[in-house]
C-alpha atoms as a PDB file:
ATOM      1  CA  MET A   1       9.855  11.595  23.185  1.00  0.00           C
ATOM      2  CA  GLN A   2      11.703  14.848  23.157  1.00  0.00           C
ATOM      3  CA  TYR A   3      10.865  17.837  21.004  1.00  0.00           C
ATOM      4  CA  ILE A   4      13.279  20.284  19.456  1.00  0.00           C
ATOM      5  CA  VAL A   5      11.904  23.806  19.129  1.00  0.00           C
ATOM      6  CA  ASP A   6      13.072  26.867  17.256  1.00  0.00           C
ATOM      7  CA  ASP A   7      13.664  30.309  18.761  1.00  0.00           C
ATOM      8  CA  SER A   8       9.951  31.112  18.641  1.00  0.00           C
ATOM      9  CA  GLY A   9       9.028  27.890  20.469  1.00  0.00           C
ATOM     10  CA  ALA A  10       7.593  26.092  17.440  1.00  0.00           C
ATOM     11  CA  LYS A  11       8.318  22.364  17.327  1.00  0.00           C
ATOM     12  CA  THR A  12      10.714  21.559  14.498  1.00  0.00           C
ATOM     13  CA  SER A  13      11.845  17.995  15.271  1.00  0.00           C
ATOM     14  CA  VAL A  14      11.256  15.104  17.598  1.00  0.00           C
ATOM     15  CA  ILE A  15      13.568  12.570  19.186  1.00  0.00           C
ATOM     16  CA  VAL A  16      11.939   9.140  19.455  1.00  0.00           C
ATOM     17  CA  PRO A  17      13.361   6.213  21.424  1.00  0.00           C
ATOM     18  CA  TYR A  18      14.852   3.653  19.034  1.00  0.00           C
ATOM     19  CA  SER A  19      12.497   0.847  20.106  1.00  0.00           C
ATOM     20  CA  GLN A  20       9.523   3.079  19.395  1.00  0.00           C
ATOM     21  CA  TRP A  21      11.029   4.061  16.036  1.00  0.00           C
ATOM     22  CA  GLU A  22      11.380   0.376  15.098  1.00  0.00           C
ATOM     23  CA  LYS A  23       7.716  -0.216  15.950  1.00  0.00           C
ATOM     24  CA  ILE A  24       6.655   2.825  13.917  1.00  0.00           C
ATOM     25  CA  ASN A  25       8.611   1.512  10.916  1.00  0.00           C
ATOM     26  CA  ALA A  26       7.208  -2.014  11.310  1.00  0.00           C
ATOM     27  CA  ASP A  27       3.659  -0.644  11.489  1.00  0.00           C
ATOM     28  CA  TYR A  28       4.349   1.529   8.436  1.00  0.00           C
ATOM     29  CA  ASP A  29       5.615  -1.479   6.466  1.00  0.00           C
ATOM     30  CA  LYS A  30       2.466  -3.468   7.309  1.00  0.00           C
ATOM     31  CA  LEU A  31       0.212  -0.581   6.300  1.00  0.00           C
ATOM     32  CA  LYS A  32       2.169  -0.047   3.078  1.00  0.00           C
ATOM     33  CA  LYS A  33       1.703  -3.709   2.130  1.00  0.00           C
ATOM     34  CA  LYS A  34      -2.034  -3.503   2.839  1.00  0.00           C
ATOM     35  CA  PHE A  35      -2.278  -0.327   0.796  1.00  0.00           C
ATOM     36  CA  ASP A  36      -0.470  -1.994  -2.112  1.00  0.00           C
ATOM     37  CA  VAL A  37      -2.917  -4.920  -2.016  1.00  0.00           C
ATOM     38  CA  PHE A  38      -5.936  -2.599  -1.961  1.00  0.00           C
ATOM     39  CA  LEU A  39      -4.473  -0.518  -4.775  1.00  0.00           C
ATOM     40  CA  SER A  40      -3.953  -3.661  -6.868  1.00  0.00           C
ATOM     41  CA  ILE A  41      -7.546  -4.729  -6.233  1.00  0.00           C
ATOM     42  CA  LYS A  42      -8.792  -1.281  -7.230  1.00  0.00           C
ATOM     43  CA  GLU A  43      -6.749  -1.374 -10.439  1.00  0.00           C
ATOM     44  CA  GLY A  44      -8.086  -4.850 -11.215  1.00  0.00           C
ATOM     45  CA  ILE A  45     -11.665  -3.707 -10.761  1.00  0.00           C
ATOM     46  CA  GLU A  46     -11.037  -0.704 -13.014  1.00  0.00           C
ATOM     47  CA  GLU A  47      -9.542  -3.016 -15.650  1.00  0.00           C
ATOM     48  CA  ILE A  48     -12.632  -5.238 -15.488  1.00  0.00           C
ATOM     49  CA  LYS A  49     -14.967  -2.244 -15.873  1.00  0.00           C
ATOM     50  CA  THR A  50     -12.968  -0.904 -18.805  1.00  0.00           C
ATOM     51  CA  SER A  51     -12.946  -4.322 -20.482  1.00  0.00           C
ATOM     52  CA  LYS A  52     -16.703  -4.701 -20.092  1.00  0.00           C
ATOM     53  CA  ASN A  53     -17.315  -1.223 -21.510  1.00  0.00           C
ATOM     54  CA  LYS A  54     -15.113  -1.996 -24.516  1.00  0.00           C
ATOM     55  CA  GLY A  55     -16.485  -5.525 -24.950  1.00  0.00           C
ATOM     56  CA  VAL A  56     -13.079  -7.115 -24.379  1.00  0.00           C
ATOM     57  CA  LYS A  57     -13.146 -10.657 -23.029  1.00  0.00           C
ATOM     58  CA  LEU A  58     -10.796 -11.219 -20.097  1.00  0.00           C
ATOM     59  CA  GLN A  59      -9.027 -14.428 -19.191  1.00  0.00           C
ATOM     60  CA  THR A  60     -10.971 -16.589 -16.742  1.00  0.00           C
ATOM     61  CA  LEU A  61      -9.511 -17.749 -13.451  1.00  0.00           C
ATOM     62  CA  SER A  62      -9.655 -21.355 -14.675  1.00  0.00           C
ATOM     63  CA  ASP A  63      -7.700 -20.453 -17.811  1.00  0.00           C
ATOM     64  CA  PHE A  64      -5.146 -18.570 -15.741  1.00  0.00           C
ATOM     65  CA  LEU A  65      -4.678 -21.478 -13.325  1.00  0.00           C
ATOM     66  CA  ASN A  66      -4.400 -23.980 -16.173  1.00  0.00           C
ATOM     67  CA  GLU A  67      -1.873 -21.749 -17.910  1.00  0.00           C
ATOM     68  CA  SER A  68       0.301 -21.584 -14.811  1.00  0.00           C
ATOM     69  CA  LYS A  69       0.460 -25.410 -14.602  1.00  0.00           C
ATOM     70  CA  ARG A  70       2.273 -25.639 -17.937  1.00  0.00           C
END
């Protein structure tokens, strides 16, 4: 890696070899997908808690699976 510095010597940019940049982007994509899954799980749990507090009955997994077969 190479760093670009300003007149005072503070790092302002970095030059990364392309192969390393590709790996960084691939790792980022994997982490982003994991984050999206965890965020969806969190939202689902919050929806369940809200439903229970309001007394709303949610669809069961069996009902969902049977619905998707139609």
